[in-house]
Amino acid sequence: MKNPKYIFVVGGVMSSVGKGIAASSIGKILQSRGYRVAIMKADMYVNIDAGTIRPAEHGEVFVGEDGVEADQDLGNYERFTGQTSKRVNYMTTGQIYQEVIRRERNLEYGGEDVEVYPDIPKEIIRRIEVCQKENKSEITVIEYGGTVGEHQLFPFLEATRMMRSKFPGDVFVVLTSYLPTPSLLGEQKSKPTQRAVLDLYSVGLKPDFVLCRADKPATADIKRTISNVCSIPVERIISAPDVYSIYDVPVNFENENFGNTLLKTIGLHPRERDLADWTALANKIKKIDKEVTIGIVGKYFNFKSCKDTYISVIESINHASWAQGYKPKILWLDSEKYENNPKLLSELDGLDGIIVPGGFGNRGVEGMILAADYARRKKIPYFGLCLGVQILTISYARNVLKLKGANSTEMNANTPHPVIATMADQIDKIKNKNYGGSMRLGAYACTLAKDTVAFGAYKTVNISERHRHRYEVNTKYVAELEQAGLVFSGRSPDGVLMEIAELPKKVHPFYLGTQFHPEFKSRPLSPHPLFSAFVKACVGKQK
């Protein structure tokens, strides 16, 4: 292939209608045609990364292999393409300005005045090209956060316009736009989409495709209207209705002949075509009628959608459940209510299993500790993720070792029994309020003990998983906890850090927690081993 191609996915009308899934699906389809693809997310906020944003405010913070704390869309990119996301796959307005100011301070502009235009767009272009080169991608898909009418997007749209001039014939724009259906009229309206196209024209860009998001398939009349008014060939107006699962989206696009039309438009020929496994999974999901009921005991339920806050956890449950022939029924259980009324814990009896996911701060923690103890005593499968393994350990110390007041120093700096304590390299960072990008982040090796639940799931001794935390099991309590029956089945290669805690199967069907985040590495066609083991235990309880 002579030149790399660039496809920009932008939003019109309103956000949160599926640009991330659209970009992921485009990447999947192009990959299935035999091309090397990279997907990149550009976020408009001035934060350097997503790490300091509340999950309830902006959704899950996804952690890449190299420790980048990024928007949740990078998780979708990984789940759809199977490729690993790194820092080069993510940029924010904050990163752009930080780098431009750094270069100015270092006289890297040779004494010239530095301006928003063209220097900010040039830095955006540089990062896109770095992503392409490092991934050796033949086609790079870049998703822009927000919508085309927002002021903060203008430098990014200008970067796209400049790239079109720099690489004529190699830069393309896909507009994802919503088609509302007013209930009194009962028909789809295209005027908001026409307005979004006009916004693109106003900054010197013309969309090559329009993805029509709606509750129902776009009608032929709507497609013709958009085509005529916006001067876009009708075959490039693609219907993108609501579907049964996000994994149906690439299949739906294929039904619209999007893959072939896209390649024809960007001047490439398909090398192969193979979405067979993906299509089989999408069809399988619809036919599953058995349910497994899993409760997520957490605290980020009162703001934005729980689905955004815990998207990787939800998808990991889906992957593992579907592989077992079950459809997950997920219940959201606010842990604070157990603190106020412990009798409510009896509702856990009706579940097949519970998960305590990651989180920060002491709100709701006491309720999680009560739930962990209840699950242990009642033999309910329990899976703890990051904070969840700390909850497991605190609960065990209090209720089995009888260490009154045992806690994490994050929750209580004066606890008499700090069974969870600040990592040594984090103490000064916390003291100096160095919070951004300073946790234990990214992939680290872990060694498993044989004849344990964890080893039975992975079927190997050496694993690598992604982390995002500041606190660990206090090694001063490890021997005492192990003597009381808790097994630390996963440790750092030097044996210092406790990465997995569990109870043996002869004691409990599944009672395990990980200091890392296994949900970041689960894929629809290859569920994470620990989630698979957990769901099997849940199904076993049901039977």
Protein backbone atom coordinates (compact mmCIF):
# COMPACT_ATOMS: atom_id res chain seq x y z
CA MET A 1 0.00 0.00 0.00
CA LYS A 2 1.52 3.31 -1.08
CA ASN A 3 0.21 5.72 1.58
CA PRO A 4 -1.49 5.15 4.94
CA LYS A 5 -5.15 6.10 5.10
CA TYR A 6 -6.86 8.11 7.84
CA ILE A 7 -10.55 7.89 8.76
CA PHE A 8 -11.97 10.45 11.19
CA VAL A 9 -15.15 9.58 13.08
CA VAL A 10 -16.98 12.67 14.33
CA GLY A 11 -20.33 13.20 16.01
CA GLY A 12 -23.23 15.40 15.05
CA VAL A 13 -26.46 16.49 16.78
CA MET A 14 -25.55 15.04 20.20
CA SER A 15 -22.94 12.92 21.96
CA SER A 16 -23.25 9.44 23.50
CA VAL A 17 -24.92 7.88 20.47
CA GLY A 18 -22.19 5.38 19.71
CA LYS A 19 -19.18 6.99 18.02
CA GLY A 20 -16.87 4.69 19.97
CA ILE A 21 -18.71 1.56 18.85
CA ALA A 22 -18.84 2.93 15.30
CA ALA A 23 -15.06 3.52 15.28
CA SER A 24 -14.49 0.07 16.80
CA SER A 25 -16.75 -1.55 14.21
CA ILE A 26 -15.02 0.25 11.34
CA GLY A 27 -11.70 -1.01 12.68
CA LYS A 28 -13.08 -4.55 12.98
CA ILE A 29 -14.47 -4.57 9.45
CA LEU A 30 -11.26 -3.23 7.91
CA GLN A 31 -9.26 -5.74 9.94
CA SER A 32 -11.49 -8.53 8.65
CA ARG A 33 -10.63 -7.37 5.12
CA GLY A 34 -6.95 -8.03 5.82
CA TYR A 35 -5.68 -4.55 6.72
CA ARG A 36 -3.51 -3.45 9.65
CA VAL A 37 -5.62 -1.01 11.63
CA ALA A 38 -5.02 1.35 14.57
CA ILE A 39 -7.74 3.25 16.42
CA MET A 40 -7.11 6.48 18.32
CA LYS A 41 -9.31 8.55 20.63
CA ALA A 42 -9.08 12.35 20.89
CA ASP A 43 -10.86 13.87 23.88
CA MET A 44 -11.65 17.55 24.10
CA TYR A 45 -11.17 18.13 27.82
CA VAL A 46 -8.15 19.94 29.21
CA ASN A 47 -7.38 17.11 31.63
CA ILE A 48 -4.07 15.46 30.76
CA ASP A 49 -5.79 12.07 30.91
CA ALA A 50 -8.94 10.44 32.26
CA GLY A 51 -7.30 9.35 35.52
CA THR A 52 -8.49 12.23 37.67
CA ILE A 53 -12.08 12.30 36.38
CA ARG A 54 -14.81 10.70 38.51
CA PRO A 55 -16.13 7.49 36.89
CA ALA A 56 -19.66 8.68 37.66
CA GLU A 57 -18.88 11.85 35.70
CA HIS A 58 -17.21 10.47 32.59
CA GLY A 59 -17.47 6.70 32.76
CA GLU A 60 -14.83 4.07 33.39
CA VAL A 61 -11.13 4.90 33.31
CA PHE A 62 -9.62 2.33 30.97
CA VAL A 63 -5.98 1.36 31.62
CA GLY A 64 -3.76 0.41 28.69
CA GLU A 65 -0.88 -2.02 28.69
CA ASP A 66 1.68 0.76 29.24
CA GLY A 67 -0.34 2.39 32.02
CA VAL A 68 -2.21 5.07 30.09
CA GLU A 69 -5.40 6.12 31.90
CA ALA A 70 -7.79 6.71 29.06
CA ASP A 71 -11.37 7.09 27.95
CA GLN A 72 -13.54 3.97 28.09
CA ASP A 73 -13.67 3.86 24.26
CA LEU A 74 -10.15 2.41 24.20
CA GLY A 75 -11.65 -0.64 25.91
CA ASN A 76 -14.10 -1.04 23.05
CA TYR A 77 -11.28 -0.68 20.54
CA GLU A 78 -9.43 -3.54 22.25
CA ARG A 79 -12.50 -5.75 22.59
CA PHE A 80 -13.42 -5.35 18.91
CA THR A 81 -9.97 -5.58 17.30
CA GLY A 82 -7.98 -7.57 19.87
CA GLN A 83 -5.20 -4.99 19.61
CA THR A 84 -3.46 -3.47 22.63
CA SER A 85 -4.00 0.23 23.29
CA LYS A 86 -1.15 2.41 24.50
CA ARG A 87 -0.44 6.10 25.10
CA VAL A 88 -0.13 6.77 21.37
CA ASN A 89 -3.76 5.69 20.94
CA TYR A 90 -5.04 8.52 23.13
CA MET A 91 -4.78 12.28 23.26
CA THR A 92 -6.53 15.15 25.03
CA THR A 93 -6.59 18.92 24.64
CA GLY A 94 -4.58 19.06 27.86
CA GLN A 95 -1.81 16.92 26.37
CA ILE A 96 -1.74 19.02 23.21
CA TYR A 97 -1.33 22.34 25.01
CA GLN A 98 1.10 20.88 27.54
CA GLU A 99 3.41 19.71 24.74
CA VAL A 100 3.16 22.95 22.74
CA ILE A 101 3.98 25.00 25.86
CA ARG A 102 6.88 22.66 26.72
CA ARG A 103 8.34 23.11 23.24
CA GLU A 104 7.90 26.89 23.43
CA ARG A 105 9.73 27.04 26.78
CA ASN A 106 12.57 24.98 25.26
CA LEU A 107 12.88 27.35 22.27
CA GLU A 108 11.91 24.50 19.94
CA TYR A 109 9.90 26.96 17.84
CA GLY A 110 13.08 28.91 17.11
CA GLY A 111 11.86 32.14 18.67
CA GLU A 112 8.69 32.34 16.59
CA ASP A 113 5.44 33.39 18.22
CA VAL A 114 3.31 30.34 19.05
CA GLU A 115 -0.39 30.53 18.18
CA VAL A 116 -3.49 28.38 18.55
CA TYR A 117 -3.62 28.23 14.75
CA PRO A 118 -1.67 26.57 13.26
CA ASP A 119 0.51 25.25 16.12
CA ILE A 120 -2.20 23.39 18.07
CA PRO A 121 -3.55 21.57 14.96
CA LYS A 122 0.02 20.76 13.93
CA GLU A 123 0.63 19.04 17.28
CA ILE A 124 -2.60 17.07 16.82
CA ILE A 125 -1.41 15.95 13.38
CA ARG A 126 1.99 14.98 14.77
CA ARG A 127 0.37 12.71 17.35
CA ILE A 128 -1.86 11.05 14.76
CA GLU A 129 1.18 10.32 12.60
CA VAL A 130 3.09 8.93 15.61
CA CYS A 131 0.16 6.59 16.31
CA GLN A 132 0.19 5.43 12.70
CA LYS A 133 3.95 4.83 12.65
CA GLU A 134 4.17 3.04 16.01
CA ASN A 135 1.28 0.74 15.12
CA LYS A 136 2.52 0.32 11.52
CA SER A 137 -1.12 0.73 10.55
CA GLU A 138 -2.25 0.88 6.96
CA ILE A 139 -5.51 2.51 8.05
CA THR A 140 -5.79 4.68 11.17
CA VAL A 141 -9.24 5.43 12.59
CA ILE A 142 -9.42 8.56 14.77
CA GLU A 143 -12.49 9.16 16.93
CA TYR A 144 -13.18 12.72 18.08
CA GLY A 145 -15.09 13.17 21.32
CA GLY A 146 -18.01 15.58 21.44
CA THR A 147 -19.90 16.95 18.45
CA VAL A 148 -18.98 19.08 15.44
CA GLY A 149 -20.75 22.21 16.69
CA GLU A 150 -18.67 22.52 19.87
CA HIS A 151 -15.97 25.19 20.04
CA GLN A 152 -13.43 22.93 21.75
CA LEU A 153 -13.48 20.62 18.73
CA PHE A 154 -12.45 23.31 16.23
CA PRO A 155 -8.65 22.80 16.54
CA PHE A 156 -9.16 19.07 15.88
CA LEU A 157 -11.40 19.69 12.88
CA GLU A 158 -8.80 22.16 11.59
CA ALA A 159 -6.16 19.44 11.99
CA THR A 160 -8.33 17.15 9.86
CA ARG A 161 -8.72 19.85 7.20
CA MET A 162 -4.95 20.42 7.17
CA MET A 163 -4.35 16.68 6.84
CA ARG A 164 -6.70 16.56 3.86
CA SER A 165 -4.56 19.20 2.19
CA LYS A 166 -1.34 17.43 3.20
CA PHE A 167 -2.55 13.93 2.15
CA PRO A 168 -5.10 14.43 -0.66
CA GLY A 169 -7.04 11.26 -1.34
CA ASP A 170 -5.97 9.62 1.94
CA VAL A 171 -8.13 11.39 4.57
CA PHE A 172 -11.84 10.64 5.05
CA VAL A 173 -14.59 11.75 7.43
CA VAL A 174 -17.41 9.63 8.85
CA LEU A 175 -20.21 11.58 10.56
CA THR A 176 -22.20 9.71 13.20
CA SER A 177 -25.50 11.56 13.53
CA TYR A 178 -28.77 10.94 15.32
CA LEU A 179 -32.12 10.76 13.52
CA PRO A 180 -34.87 11.71 16.00
CA THR A 181 -38.39 10.33 15.66
CA PRO A 182 -40.86 12.73 17.34
CA SER A 183 -43.53 10.59 18.98
CA LEU A 184 -46.43 12.71 17.66
CA LEU A 185 -45.14 12.46 14.09
CA GLY A 186 -43.93 8.88 14.12
CA GLU A 187 -41.37 9.46 11.37
CA GLN A 188 -37.62 10.06 11.34
CA LYS A 189 -36.39 13.60 10.79
CA SER A 190 -33.13 14.43 9.06
CA LYS A 191 -32.93 18.20 9.69
CA PRO A 192 -30.54 17.91 12.71
CA THR A 193 -28.23 15.74 10.59
CA GLN A 194 -28.36 18.27 7.77
CA ARG A 195 -27.34 20.92 10.30
CA ALA A 196 -24.38 18.79 11.47
CA VAL A 197 -23.22 18.38 7.87
CA LEU A 198 -23.48 22.16 7.45
CA ASP A 199 -21.30 22.60 10.57
CA LEU A 200 -18.65 20.44 8.93
CA TYR A 201 -18.88 22.42 5.69
CA SER A 202 -18.36 25.62 7.70
CA VAL A 203 -14.89 24.44 8.80
CA GLY A 204 -13.88 23.27 5.34
CA LEU A 205 -14.80 19.59 5.70
CA LYS A 206 -17.25 17.38 3.86
CA PRO A 207 -18.34 14.02 5.30
CA ASP A 208 -17.67 11.02 3.09
CA PHE A 209 -20.15 8.88 5.05
CA VAL A 210 -23.07 9.49 7.37
CA LEU A 211 -23.92 6.81 9.94
CA CYS A 212 -27.59 7.30 10.79
CA ARG A 213 -28.12 6.43 14.44
CA ALA A 214 -31.74 5.86 15.39
CA ASP A 215 -34.02 3.51 17.26
CA LYS A 216 -35.12 1.99 13.95
CA PRO A 217 -33.34 1.45 10.60
CA ALA A 218 -33.02 4.57 8.46
CA THR A 219 -35.72 4.61 5.80
CA ALA A 220 -34.97 4.82 2.09
CA ASP A 221 -36.66 8.24 1.99
CA ILE A 222 -34.42 9.60 4.76
CA LYS A 223 -31.31 8.28 3.01
CA ARG A 224 -32.34 9.94 -0.26
CA THR A 225 -33.08 13.22 1.52
CA ILE A 226 -29.70 13.32 3.22
CA SER A 227 -27.99 12.32 0.00
CA ASN A 228 -29.71 15.05 -2.04
CA VAL A 229 -29.40 17.86 0.49
CA CYS A 230 -25.84 17.06 1.61
CA SER A 231 -24.40 15.96 -1.77
CA ILE A 232 -23.33 12.53 -0.52
CA PRO A 233 -23.92 9.36 -2.61
CA VAL A 234 -26.89 7.47 -1.20
CA GLU A 235 -24.86 4.27 -0.75
CA ARG A 236 -22.69 6.17 1.73
CA ILE A 237 -25.67 6.93 3.98
CA ILE A 238 -25.47 3.98 6.35
CA SER A 239 -28.27 2.84 8.64
CA ALA A 240 -27.12 2.31 12.23
CA PRO A 241 -30.19 1.40 14.30
CA ASP A 242 -30.29 0.19 17.89
CA VAL A 243 -29.34 -3.49 17.98
CA TYR A 244 -29.52 -6.40 20.42
CA SER A 245 -25.89 -6.03 21.51
CA ILE A 246 -22.92 -3.84 20.54
CA TYR A 247 -21.39 -6.90 18.87
CA ASP A 248 -24.19 -6.77 16.28
CA VAL A 249 -22.96 -3.43 14.96
CA PRO A 250 -20.21 -4.74 12.62
CA VAL A 251 -22.62 -7.38 11.35
CA ASN A 252 -25.27 -4.74 10.72
CA PHE A 253 -22.73 -2.59 8.88
CA GLU A 254 -21.85 -5.56 6.69
CA ASN A 255 -25.54 -6.01 5.89
CA GLU A 256 -25.47 -2.39 4.69
CA ASN A 257 -22.44 -3.26 2.51
CA PHE A 258 -20.50 -0.64 4.46
CA GLY A 259 -17.19 -2.53 4.31
CA ASN A 260 -17.08 -2.78 0.53
CA THR A 261 -18.30 0.78 0.03
CA LEU A 262 -15.75 2.11 2.52
CA LEU A 263 -12.84 0.36 0.83
CA LYS A 264 -14.01 1.49 -2.60
CA THR A 265 -14.25 5.09 -1.35
CA ILE A 266 -10.76 5.12 0.14
CA GLY A 267 -9.33 3.41 -2.93
CA LEU A 268 -8.50 -0.05 -1.58
CA HIS A 269 -9.49 -3.62 -2.43
CA PRO A 270 -10.43 -6.31 0.10
CA ARG A 271 -7.64 -8.83 0.68
CA GLU A 272 -9.94 -11.24 2.46
CA ARG A 273 -13.30 -11.25 4.20
CA ASP A 274 -13.83 -13.12 7.41
CA LEU A 275 -16.27 -12.06 10.11
CA ALA A 276 -17.51 -15.63 10.55
CA ASP A 277 -16.58 -16.06 14.24
CA TRP A 278 -17.88 -12.62 15.08
CA THR A 279 -21.16 -13.15 13.23
CA ALA A 280 -21.61 -16.54 14.90
CA LEU A 281 -21.18 -14.94 18.34
CA ALA A 282 -23.64 -12.15 17.54
CA ASN A 283 -26.22 -14.71 16.42
CA LYS A 284 -25.56 -16.97 19.42
CA ILE A 285 -26.17 -14.17 21.91
CA LYS A 286 -29.73 -13.62 20.65
CA LYS A 287 -30.68 -17.28 21.13
CA ILE A 288 -29.54 -17.70 24.73
CA ASP A 289 -32.49 -18.12 27.09
CA LYS A 290 -30.88 -19.32 30.34
CA GLU A 291 -29.99 -16.66 32.90
CA VAL A 292 -27.31 -16.31 35.56
CA THR A 293 -27.93 -13.58 38.13
CA ILE A 294 -24.93 -11.56 39.32
CA GLY A 295 -25.00 -8.66 41.75
CA ILE A 296 -22.47 -5.83 41.52
CA VAL A 297 -21.97 -4.39 44.99
CA GLY A 298 -20.60 -0.90 44.49
CA LYS A 299 -21.19 2.80 45.04
CA TYR A 300 -21.02 4.67 41.72
CA PHE A 301 -24.71 4.20 40.99
CA ASN A 302 -26.20 7.61 41.72
CA PHE A 303 -24.96 9.73 38.82
CA LYS A 304 -24.31 8.66 35.25
CA SER A 305 -25.19 5.31 33.75
CA CYS A 306 -23.84 2.29 35.65
CA LYS A 307 -23.07 0.81 32.25
CA ASP A 308 -20.54 3.56 31.55
CA THR A 309 -19.01 3.41 35.04
CA TYR A 310 -18.43 -0.35 34.94
CA ILE A 311 -18.41 -1.04 31.21
CA SER A 312 -15.38 -3.40 31.18
CA VAL A 313 -16.75 -5.37 34.14
CA ILE A 314 -20.14 -5.71 32.44
CA GLU A 315 -18.63 -6.82 29.14
CA SER A 316 -16.35 -9.33 30.91
CA ILE A 317 -19.41 -10.84 32.62
CA ASN A 318 -21.15 -10.95 29.24
CA HIS A 319 -18.22 -12.68 27.52
CA ALA A 320 -17.88 -15.36 30.20
CA SER A 321 -21.63 -15.94 30.53
CA TRP A 322 -22.24 -16.23 26.80
CA ALA A 323 -19.41 -18.76 26.52
CA GLN A 324 -21.23 -20.89 29.14
CA GLY A 325 -24.54 -20.55 27.29
CA TYR A 326 -26.06 -18.11 29.78
CA LYS A 327 -27.38 -14.58 29.58
CA PRO A 328 -26.28 -12.48 32.56
CA LYS A 329 -28.84 -10.64 34.63
CA ILE A 330 -26.92 -7.93 36.46
CA LEU A 331 -28.33 -6.29 39.59
CA TRP A 332 -26.88 -3.03 40.95
CA LEU A 333 -26.57 -3.19 44.74
CA ASP A 334 -25.65 0.03 46.53
CA SER A 335 -23.39 -1.02 49.39
CA GLU A 336 -24.36 1.95 51.57
CA LYS A 337 -27.78 0.46 52.27
CA TYR A 338 -26.17 -2.53 54.03
CA GLU A 339 -24.41 -0.18 56.43
CA ASN A 340 -27.74 1.31 57.45
CA ASN A 341 -29.62 -2.00 57.54
CA PRO A 342 -27.51 -5.22 57.59
CA LYS A 343 -30.70 -7.29 57.38
CA LEU A 344 -30.88 -6.33 53.72
CA LEU A 345 -27.88 -8.60 53.09
CA SER A 346 -30.36 -11.47 52.85
CA GLU A 347 -31.13 -10.30 49.30
CA LEU A 348 -27.75 -11.75 48.32
CA ASP A 349 -29.20 -15.23 48.89
CA GLY A 350 -31.14 -14.92 45.64
CA LEU A 351 -28.05 -14.24 43.58
CA ASP A 352 -25.82 -16.72 41.81
CA GLY A 353 -22.76 -14.61 42.63
CA ILE A 354 -21.52 -11.13 43.53
CA ILE A 355 -18.73 -8.87 42.30
CA VAL A 356 -17.15 -6.04 44.27
CA PRO A 357 -15.45 -3.83 41.63
CA GLY A 358 -12.77 -1.16 41.90
CA GLY A 359 -13.23 2.21 43.55
CA PHE A 360 -11.69 4.88 45.76
CA GLY A 361 -12.61 6.53 49.05
CA ASN A 362 -14.41 5.22 52.12
CA ARG A 363 -18.02 5.82 51.10
CA GLY A 364 -19.89 2.51 51.04
CA VAL A 365 -16.85 0.46 52.04
CA GLU A 366 -18.31 -0.85 55.31
CA GLY A 367 -21.29 -2.17 53.37
CA MET A 368 -18.95 -3.97 50.96
CA ILE A 369 -17.12 -5.55 53.89
CA LEU A 370 -20.44 -6.82 55.28
CA ALA A 371 -21.36 -8.22 51.83
CA ALA A 372 -17.99 -9.99 51.52
CA ASP A 373 -18.41 -11.63 54.91
CA TYR A 374 -21.97 -12.67 54.08
CA ALA A 375 -20.85 -14.22 50.79
CA ARG A 376 -18.09 -16.13 52.60
CA ARG A 377 -20.40 -17.54 55.26
CA LYS A 378 -23.26 -18.33 52.86
CA LYS A 379 -20.97 -19.87 50.20
CA ILE A 380 -22.07 -17.34 47.55
CA PRO A 381 -19.46 -17.00 44.76
CA TYR A 382 -17.53 -13.78 45.34
CA PHE A 383 -15.19 -12.03 42.90
CA GLY A 384 -13.29 -8.93 44.06
CA LEU A 385 -11.58 -6.57 41.61
CA CYS A 386 -8.85 -4.25 42.93
CA LEU A 387 -10.74 -2.66 45.84
CA GLY A 388 -12.67 -5.94 45.96
CA VAL A 389 -9.61 -7.96 47.04
CA GLN A 390 -8.88 -5.39 49.72
CA ILE A 391 -12.46 -5.69 50.97
CA LEU A 392 -12.08 -9.47 51.03
CA THR A 393 -8.87 -9.21 53.06
CA ILE A 394 -10.28 -6.68 55.55
CA SER A 395 -13.40 -8.78 56.01
CA TYR A 396 -11.34 -11.92 56.61
CA ALA A 397 -9.09 -10.15 59.10
CA ARG A 398 -12.05 -8.82 61.08
CA ASN A 399 -14.28 -11.88 61.04
CA VAL A 400 -11.87 -14.83 60.99
CA LEU A 401 -8.72 -13.44 62.64
CA LYS A 402 -10.90 -11.29 64.94
CA LEU A 403 -8.69 -8.25 64.39
CA LYS A 404 -11.09 -5.60 65.62
CA GLY A 405 -10.94 -2.41 63.57
CA ALA A 406 -8.84 -3.95 60.78
CA ASN A 407 -8.96 -1.68 57.77
CA SER A 408 -7.11 0.00 54.93
CA THR A 409 -5.05 3.11 55.62
CA GLU A 410 -6.95 4.67 52.72
CA MET A 411 -10.16 4.40 54.73
CA ASN A 412 -8.74 4.94 58.20
CA ALA A 413 -5.19 6.26 58.62
CA ASN A 414 -5.31 5.38 62.34
CA THR A 415 -6.59 1.81 62.06
CA PRO A 416 -5.07 -0.48 64.73
CA HIS A 417 -4.65 -3.22 62.11
CA PRO A 418 -3.66 -1.82 58.68
CA VAL A 419 -4.07 -5.07 56.75
CA ILE A 420 -4.20 -2.92 53.60
CA ALA A 421 -1.53 -0.21 53.49
CA THR A 422 -0.10 2.41 51.18
CA MET A 423 2.51 1.06 48.78
CA ALA A 424 6.02 2.24 49.71
CA ASP A 425 6.50 4.23 46.50
CA GLN A 426 3.13 5.95 46.94
CA ILE A 427 3.66 7.50 50.39
CA ASP A 428 5.49 10.63 49.21
CA LYS A 429 3.20 10.98 46.18
CA ILE A 430 0.12 11.12 48.40
CA LYS A 431 1.86 13.46 50.87
CA ASN A 432 2.73 15.86 48.04
CA LYS A 433 -0.72 15.49 46.43
CA ASN A 434 0.85 14.02 43.31
CA TYR A 435 -2.29 12.23 42.16
CA GLY A 436 -2.35 12.40 38.35
CA GLY A 437 -0.82 9.40 36.57
CA SER A 438 1.12 8.36 39.68
CA MET A 439 -0.52 5.11 40.75
CA ARG A 440 0.79 1.63 40.02
CA LEU A 441 -0.39 1.57 36.42
CA GLY A 442 -0.28 -0.82 33.50
CA ALA A 443 0.83 -4.41 33.01
CA TYR A 444 2.89 -6.24 35.63
CA ALA A 445 3.98 -9.86 35.86
CA CYS A 446 2.43 -12.18 38.44
CA THR A 447 3.41 -15.69 39.54
CA LEU A 448 0.69 -18.18 40.49
CA ALA A 449 0.86 -20.98 43.03
CA LYS A 450 -0.13 -24.38 41.68
CA ASP A 451 -3.15 -26.27 42.99
CA THR A 452 -5.11 -23.05 43.51
CA VAL A 453 -8.32 -21.69 42.04
CA ALA A 454 -6.35 -19.04 40.14
CA PHE A 455 -3.96 -21.57 38.63
CA GLY A 456 -6.90 -23.76 37.66
CA ALA A 457 -8.38 -20.85 35.74
CA TYR A 458 -5.23 -19.67 33.96
CA LYS A 459 -3.59 -23.09 33.62
CA THR A 460 -0.17 -21.45 33.73
CA VAL A 461 2.19 -20.12 36.40
CA ASN A 462 3.27 -16.85 34.81
CA ILE A 463 0.69 -14.24 33.89
CA SER A 464 0.58 -10.50 33.19
CA GLU A 465 -2.29 -8.22 34.20
CA ARG A 466 -3.05 -4.49 34.34
CA HIS A 467 -3.09 -2.49 37.57
CA ARG A 468 -4.46 0.82 38.84
CA HIS A 469 -4.02 1.31 42.59
CA ARG A 470 -2.01 2.84 45.44
CA TYR A 471 -2.70 0.33 48.21
CA GLU A 472 -1.70 -3.30 48.73
CA VAL A 473 -2.08 -6.11 51.23
CA ASN A 474 0.26 -5.31 54.13
CA THR A 475 3.00 -7.97 54.10
CA LYS A 476 3.19 -7.79 57.92
CA TYR A 477 -0.17 -9.58 58.08
CA VAL A 478 0.35 -12.13 55.30
CA ALA A 479 1.61 -15.00 57.49
CA GLU A 480 -1.19 -14.49 60.00
CA LEU A 481 -3.85 -14.40 57.29
CA GLU A 482 -2.45 -17.53 55.64
CA GLN A 483 -2.39 -19.41 58.94
CA ALA A 484 -6.09 -18.57 59.24
CA GLY A 485 -6.77 -20.18 55.84
CA LEU A 486 -6.56 -17.34 53.32
CA VAL A 487 -4.41 -18.25 50.31
CA PHE A 488 -2.35 -15.69 48.42
CA SER A 489 -2.28 -17.59 45.16
CA GLY A 490 -0.78 -14.82 43.05
CA ARG A 491 2.28 -12.72 43.92
CA SER A 492 4.70 -10.41 42.18
CA PRO A 493 7.72 -12.35 40.86
CA ASP A 494 9.82 -11.14 43.81
CA GLY A 495 7.15 -12.36 46.22
CA VAL A 496 6.64 -8.95 47.83
CA LEU A 497 3.21 -7.94 46.50
CA MET A 498 0.06 -10.04 47.03
CA GLU A 499 -1.83 -9.99 43.72
CA ILE A 500 -4.53 -12.65 44.26
CA ALA A 501 -6.23 -13.81 47.47
CA GLU A 502 -8.60 -16.76 47.59
CA LEU A 503 -10.12 -19.54 49.65
CA PRO A 504 -9.54 -23.15 48.56
CA LYS A 505 -12.36 -24.83 46.65
CA LYS A 506 -12.89 -27.32 49.46
CA VAL A 507 -13.80 -24.36 51.68
CA HIS A 508 -15.77 -22.18 49.26
CA PRO A 509 -17.01 -22.65 45.65
CA PHE A 510 -15.39 -19.36 44.55
CA TYR A 511 -14.07 -16.70 46.90
CA LEU A 512 -11.31 -14.81 45.12
CA GLY A 513 -10.05 -11.28 44.63
CA THR A 514 -7.40 -9.71 42.42
CA GLN A 515 -5.37 -6.57 43.05
CA PHE A 516 -5.25 -6.10 39.27
CA HIS A 517 -8.11 -5.46 36.84
CA PRO A 518 -8.76 -8.63 34.79
CA GLU A 519 -11.75 -6.95 33.13
CA PHE A 520 -9.40 -4.91 30.93
CA LYS A 521 -8.19 -8.02 29.08
CA SER A 522 -11.43 -9.89 28.42
CA ARG A 523 -12.54 -10.23 24.79
CA PRO A 524 -15.88 -11.38 23.32
CA LEU A 525 -14.28 -14.36 21.56
CA SER A 526 -11.84 -15.13 24.41
CA PRO A 527 -13.35 -14.46 27.87
CA HIS A 528 -10.96 -13.77 30.73
CA PRO A 529 -10.07 -17.02 32.59
CA LEU A 530 -11.01 -15.65 36.03
CA PHE A 531 -14.38 -14.35 34.84
CA SER A 532 -15.00 -17.74 33.23
CA ALA A 533 -14.16 -19.53 36.48
CA PHE A 534 -16.41 -17.15 38.43
CA VAL A 535 -19.38 -17.61 36.09
CA LYS A 536 -18.92 -21.40 36.20
CA ALA A 537 -19.13 -21.20 39.98
CA CYS A 538 -22.26 -19.05 39.70
CA VAL A 539 -23.88 -21.58 37.38
CA GLY A 540 -22.83 -24.34 39.80
CA LYS A 541 -24.59 -22.57 42.69
CA GLN A 542 -27.68 -22.22 40.54
CA LYS A 543 -27.71 -25.93 39.79
